[in-house]
N, C-alpha and C. Protein backbone atom coordinates (compact mmCIF):
# COMPACT_ATOMS: atom_id res chain seq x y z
N MET A 1 115.80 99.62 146.49
CA MET A 1 116.00 101.02 146.14
C MET A 1 114.62 101.70 146.13
N ASP A 2 114.46 102.77 146.88
CA ASP A 2 113.17 103.45 146.91
C ASP A 2 113.04 104.43 145.74
N ALA A 3 111.82 104.91 145.52
CA ALA A 3 111.53 105.77 144.37
C ALA A 3 112.27 107.10 144.42
N GLN A 4 112.68 107.52 145.60
CA GLN A 4 113.40 108.79 145.70
C GLN A 4 114.90 108.62 145.50
N SER A 5 115.35 107.39 145.33
CA SER A 5 116.77 107.13 145.12
C SER A 5 117.24 107.77 143.82
N LEU A 6 118.44 108.31 143.85
CA LEU A 6 119.00 108.93 142.67
C LEU A 6 119.80 107.91 141.87
N ILE A 7 119.74 108.04 140.56
CA ILE A 7 120.47 107.16 139.67
C ILE A 7 121.16 107.98 138.59
N LEU A 8 122.18 107.39 138.02
CA LEU A 8 122.89 107.95 136.88
C LEU A 8 122.65 106.97 135.72
N VAL A 9 122.02 107.47 134.66
CA VAL A 9 121.67 106.64 133.51
C VAL A 9 122.61 106.99 132.36
N PHE A 10 123.11 105.96 131.69
CA PHE A 10 124.00 106.14 130.55
C PHE A 10 123.35 105.60 129.29
N THR A 11 123.54 106.32 128.20
CA THR A 11 123.21 105.83 126.88
C THR A 11 124.18 106.47 125.89
N ASN A 12 124.52 105.74 124.85
CA ASN A 12 125.39 106.27 123.80
C ASN A 12 124.56 106.53 122.56
N VAL A 13 124.86 107.63 121.87
CA VAL A 13 124.17 107.98 120.63
C VAL A 13 125.22 108.24 119.55
N PRO A 14 124.80 108.26 118.28
CA PRO A 14 125.80 108.34 117.21
C PRO A 14 126.47 109.69 117.04
N ASP A 15 125.85 110.79 117.52
CA ASP A 15 126.43 112.11 117.26
C ASP A 15 125.89 113.15 118.24
N HIS A 16 126.54 114.31 118.23
CA HIS A 16 126.16 115.40 119.15
C HIS A 16 124.76 115.91 118.87
N GLU A 17 124.36 116.00 117.62
CA GLU A 17 123.02 116.51 117.29
C GLU A 17 121.95 115.64 117.92
N THR A 18 122.09 114.32 117.78
CA THR A 18 121.14 113.40 118.41
C THR A 18 121.18 113.56 119.92
N GLY A 19 122.38 113.66 120.49
CA GLY A 19 122.52 113.83 121.93
C GLY A 19 121.85 115.10 122.44
N LYS A 20 122.05 116.21 121.74
CA LYS A 20 121.43 117.49 122.17
C LYS A 20 119.92 117.43 122.07
N ARG A 21 119.40 116.82 121.01
CA ARG A 21 117.95 116.71 120.83
C ARG A 21 117.35 115.87 121.95
N MET A 22 117.94 114.71 122.21
CA MET A 22 117.41 113.84 123.26
C MET A 22 117.56 114.47 124.64
N ALA A 23 118.70 115.09 124.91
CA ALA A 23 118.93 115.73 126.21
C ALA A 23 117.90 116.83 126.46
N SER A 24 117.61 117.61 125.45
CA SER A 24 116.62 118.68 125.59
C SER A 24 115.24 118.11 125.91
N GLN A 25 114.85 117.05 125.24
CA GLN A 25 113.56 116.42 125.52
C GLN A 25 113.52 115.88 126.95
N ILE A 26 114.59 115.25 127.36
CA ILE A 26 114.65 114.65 128.69
C ILE A 26 114.50 115.72 129.78
N VAL A 27 115.24 116.81 129.65
CA VAL A 27 115.19 117.87 130.66
C VAL A 27 113.86 118.62 130.59
N THR A 28 113.37 118.91 129.40
CA THR A 28 112.09 119.61 129.24
C THR A 28 110.95 118.84 129.89
N GLN A 29 110.99 117.51 129.76
CA GLN A 29 109.92 116.68 130.33
C GLN A 29 110.17 116.32 131.80
N LYS A 30 111.21 116.92 132.39
CA LYS A 30 111.57 116.72 133.79
C LYS A 30 111.85 115.26 134.12
N LEU A 31 112.37 114.53 133.12
CA LEU A 31 112.77 113.15 133.34
C LEU A 31 114.16 113.07 133.93
N ALA A 32 114.87 114.19 133.93
CA ALA A 32 116.18 114.30 134.56
C ALA A 32 116.44 115.76 134.87
N ALA A 33 117.32 115.97 135.85
CA ALA A 33 117.70 117.33 136.20
C ALA A 33 118.77 117.86 135.26
N CYS A 34 119.62 116.97 134.76
CA CYS A 34 120.77 117.38 133.96
C CYS A 34 121.19 116.21 133.09
N VAL A 35 121.64 116.55 131.88
CA VAL A 35 122.23 115.55 130.98
C VAL A 35 123.56 116.11 130.51
N ASN A 36 124.62 115.36 130.74
CA ASN A 36 125.94 115.72 130.21
C ASN A 36 126.15 114.96 128.92
N ILE A 37 126.71 115.65 127.92
CA ILE A 37 127.02 115.05 126.64
C ILE A 37 128.53 115.05 126.49
N SER A 38 129.11 113.86 126.31
CA SER A 38 130.56 113.72 126.27
C SER A 38 131.12 114.18 124.92
N SER A 39 132.43 114.31 124.89
CA SER A 39 133.14 114.43 123.63
C SER A 39 133.05 113.08 122.94
N ASP A 40 133.52 113.01 121.72
CA ASP A 40 133.48 111.75 120.99
C ASP A 40 134.23 110.66 121.75
N ILE A 41 133.64 109.48 121.76
CA ILE A 41 134.27 108.30 122.33
C ILE A 41 134.27 107.22 121.25
N LEU A 42 135.18 106.29 121.35
CA LEU A 42 135.23 105.17 120.43
C LEU A 42 134.67 103.95 121.13
N SER A 43 133.64 103.35 120.55
CA SER A 43 133.04 102.14 121.11
C SER A 43 133.38 100.97 120.21
N ILE A 44 133.89 99.91 120.81
CA ILE A 44 134.21 98.69 120.08
C ILE A 44 133.36 97.58 120.68
N TYR A 45 132.60 96.90 119.81
CA TYR A 45 131.66 95.89 120.28
C TYR A 45 131.35 94.92 119.15
N ASN A 46 130.77 93.78 119.51
CA ASN A 46 130.32 92.81 118.52
C ASN A 46 128.84 93.01 118.26
N TRP A 47 128.46 93.00 116.99
CA TRP A 47 127.05 93.12 116.61
C TRP A 47 126.82 92.25 115.39
N ASP A 48 125.84 91.38 115.45
CA ASP A 48 125.53 90.46 114.35
C ASP A 48 126.77 89.69 113.91
N GLY A 49 127.58 89.25 114.88
CA GLY A 49 128.73 88.43 114.58
C GLY A 49 129.93 89.17 114.00
N GLN A 50 129.86 90.50 113.95
CA GLN A 50 130.95 91.30 113.40
C GLN A 50 131.43 92.30 114.45
N GLN A 51 132.74 92.46 114.53
CA GLN A 51 133.27 93.48 115.44
C GLN A 51 133.07 94.86 114.79
N GLN A 52 132.56 95.78 115.59
CA GLN A 52 132.29 97.14 115.14
C GLN A 52 133.20 98.11 115.90
N ALA A 53 133.55 99.21 115.26
CA ALA A 53 134.28 100.31 115.91
C ALA A 53 133.61 101.59 115.44
N GLU A 54 132.87 102.23 116.34
CA GLU A 54 132.07 103.40 115.99
C GLU A 54 132.36 104.56 116.93
N THR A 55 132.36 105.75 116.39
CA THR A 55 132.44 106.96 117.20
C THR A 55 131.04 107.30 117.69
N GLU A 56 130.93 107.55 118.98
CA GLU A 56 129.65 107.89 119.60
C GLU A 56 129.87 109.01 120.61
N VAL A 57 128.78 109.52 121.14
CA VAL A 57 128.84 110.41 122.30
C VAL A 57 127.99 109.77 123.39
N GLN A 58 128.39 109.98 124.62
CA GLN A 58 127.68 109.38 125.75
C GLN A 58 126.85 110.43 126.46
N LEU A 59 125.62 110.06 126.79
CA LEU A 59 124.76 110.90 127.62
C LEU A 59 124.81 110.35 129.03
N MET A 60 125.09 111.24 129.99
CA MET A 60 125.11 110.91 131.41
C MET A 60 123.94 111.67 132.04
N ILE A 61 122.94 110.94 132.46
CA ILE A 61 121.65 111.50 132.84
C ILE A 61 121.44 111.35 134.33
N LYS A 62 121.26 112.48 135.04
CA LYS A 62 121.03 112.46 136.48
C LYS A 62 119.53 112.55 136.75
N THR A 63 119.00 111.51 137.41
CA THR A 63 117.57 111.45 137.64
C THR A 63 117.26 110.64 138.89
N THR A 64 115.98 110.35 139.10
CA THR A 64 115.54 109.53 140.23
C THR A 64 115.00 108.20 139.73
N GLN A 65 114.99 107.22 140.61
CA GLN A 65 114.41 105.92 140.28
C GLN A 65 112.95 106.07 139.85
N ALA A 66 112.25 107.02 140.47
CA ALA A 66 110.83 107.23 140.15
C ALA A 66 110.63 107.65 138.69
N ARG A 67 111.59 108.30 138.08
CA ARG A 67 111.45 108.78 136.70
C ARG A 67 112.06 107.80 135.68
N TYR A 68 112.69 106.71 136.17
CA TYR A 68 113.41 105.82 135.26
C TYR A 68 112.54 105.22 134.15
N ALA A 69 111.39 104.68 134.48
CA ALA A 69 110.57 103.99 133.47
C ALA A 69 110.20 104.93 132.33
N GLN A 70 109.81 106.16 132.66
CA GLN A 70 109.46 107.13 131.61
C GLN A 70 110.70 107.53 130.81
N LEU A 71 111.83 107.68 131.49
CA LEU A 71 113.07 108.02 130.81
C LEU A 71 113.46 106.90 129.84
N GLU A 72 113.40 105.66 130.31
CA GLU A 72 113.74 104.53 129.45
C GLU A 72 112.84 104.51 128.20
N GLU A 73 111.56 104.75 128.41
CA GLU A 73 110.62 104.75 127.28
C GLU A 73 110.97 105.84 126.27
N LEU A 74 111.28 107.05 126.75
CA LEU A 74 111.67 108.13 125.84
C LEU A 74 112.93 107.75 125.06
N ILE A 75 113.92 107.22 125.75
CA ILE A 75 115.16 106.84 125.06
C ILE A 75 114.87 105.79 124.00
N LYS A 76 114.10 104.74 124.34
CA LYS A 76 113.79 103.70 123.37
C LYS A 76 113.06 104.28 122.15
N ASN A 77 112.13 105.20 122.38
CA ASN A 77 111.35 105.78 121.28
C ASN A 77 112.14 106.73 120.40
N GLU A 78 113.08 107.46 120.99
CA GLU A 78 113.82 108.50 120.25
C GLU A 78 115.18 108.04 119.75
N HIS A 79 115.66 106.92 120.22
CA HIS A 79 117.01 106.47 119.91
C HIS A 79 117.08 105.88 118.50
N PRO A 80 118.11 106.21 117.73
CA PRO A 80 118.21 105.67 116.37
C PRO A 80 118.71 104.23 116.30
N TYR A 81 119.22 103.68 117.39
CA TYR A 81 119.76 102.32 117.35
C TYR A 81 118.66 101.29 117.54
N GLU A 82 118.86 100.13 116.95
CA GLU A 82 117.94 99.00 117.12
C GLU A 82 117.90 98.56 118.59
N LEU A 83 119.06 98.53 119.23
CA LEU A 83 119.17 98.13 120.63
C LEU A 83 120.05 99.14 121.36
N PRO A 84 119.43 100.19 121.91
CA PRO A 84 120.24 101.20 122.60
C PRO A 84 120.75 100.71 123.94
N GLU A 85 121.95 101.17 124.29
CA GLU A 85 122.46 100.94 125.64
C GLU A 85 121.69 101.85 126.58
N ILE A 86 121.08 101.27 127.58
CA ILE A 86 120.42 102.04 128.64
C ILE A 86 120.76 101.32 129.94
N ILE A 87 121.64 101.93 130.73
CA ILE A 87 122.01 101.34 132.00
C ILE A 87 121.90 102.39 133.10
N ALA A 88 121.54 101.94 134.28
CA ALA A 88 121.38 102.85 135.42
C ALA A 88 122.25 102.37 136.57
N ILE A 89 122.89 103.32 137.21
CA ILE A 89 123.76 103.05 138.35
C ILE A 89 123.23 103.86 139.54
N PRO A 90 123.04 103.22 140.69
CA PRO A 90 122.57 103.98 141.85
C PRO A 90 123.66 104.92 142.36
N LEU A 91 123.25 106.09 142.81
CA LEU A 91 124.17 107.03 143.44
C LEU A 91 124.15 106.75 144.94
N VAL A 92 125.31 106.56 145.51
CA VAL A 92 125.37 106.22 146.93
C VAL A 92 125.72 107.41 147.81
N ALA A 93 126.26 108.47 147.21
CA ALA A 93 126.62 109.66 147.98
C ALA A 93 126.79 110.82 147.01
N GLY A 94 126.74 112.01 147.57
CA GLY A 94 126.94 113.22 146.78
C GLY A 94 126.67 114.44 147.63
N LEU A 95 126.99 115.59 147.10
CA LEU A 95 126.74 116.84 147.80
C LEU A 95 125.24 116.96 148.07
N PRO A 96 124.82 117.03 149.32
CA PRO A 96 123.39 117.04 149.63
C PRO A 96 122.59 118.10 148.88
N ALA A 97 123.13 119.30 148.75
CA ALA A 97 122.41 120.37 148.04
C ALA A 97 122.20 120.00 146.57
N TYR A 98 123.22 119.40 145.95
CA TYR A 98 123.09 118.99 144.55
C TYR A 98 122.07 117.87 144.41
N LEU A 99 122.13 116.89 145.28
CA LEU A 99 121.19 115.78 145.23
C LEU A 99 119.75 116.27 145.43
N GLY A 100 119.59 117.24 146.32
CA GLY A 100 118.28 117.85 146.52
C GLY A 100 117.78 118.56 145.27
N TRP A 101 118.69 119.23 144.57
CA TRP A 101 118.33 119.91 143.31
C TRP A 101 117.86 118.89 142.27
N VAL A 102 118.56 117.75 142.17
CA VAL A 102 118.14 116.72 141.21
C VAL A 102 116.72 116.26 141.55
N ARG A 103 116.45 116.00 142.82
CA ARG A 103 115.11 115.57 143.22
C ARG A 103 114.06 116.63 142.88
N LYS A 104 114.38 117.89 143.18
CA LYS A 104 113.44 118.99 142.92
C LYS A 104 113.14 119.12 141.42
N GLU A 105 114.17 119.03 140.60
CA GLU A 105 114.01 119.22 139.16
C GLU A 105 113.26 118.07 138.48
N THR A 106 113.19 116.92 139.13
CA THR A 106 112.51 115.77 138.52
C THR A 106 111.16 115.47 139.13
N GLU A 107 110.70 116.35 140.02
CA GLU A 107 109.37 116.16 140.62
C GLU A 107 108.30 116.32 139.55
N THR A 108 107.29 115.48 139.65
CA THR A 108 106.17 115.63 138.72
C THR A 108 105.24 116.72 139.26
N PRO A 109 104.67 117.51 138.36
CA PRO A 109 103.80 118.61 138.79
C PRO A 109 102.54 118.13 139.51
């Protein structure tokens, strides 16, 4: 995957306030072109040997591979969880004009 490749990064946070704060930082720092914040979702998972059921919101972050390392660092530093979910999925196709906008919005000055 080359540095200009587009990716979709997911992370879950505990509430909308945290999501809006992190999304604003991400876009302001040009680490992504856009961040979508979902409605409440229910996450069920095992943690420390106990099954958990927590309401969260998901951030869907559109960015480039070139910006991933800085984005991951921001999420790790700002995230309230001990071990945040941070996963990236390569984008294989999309509207060319939209993909171009994502690249333009994430260019470093």
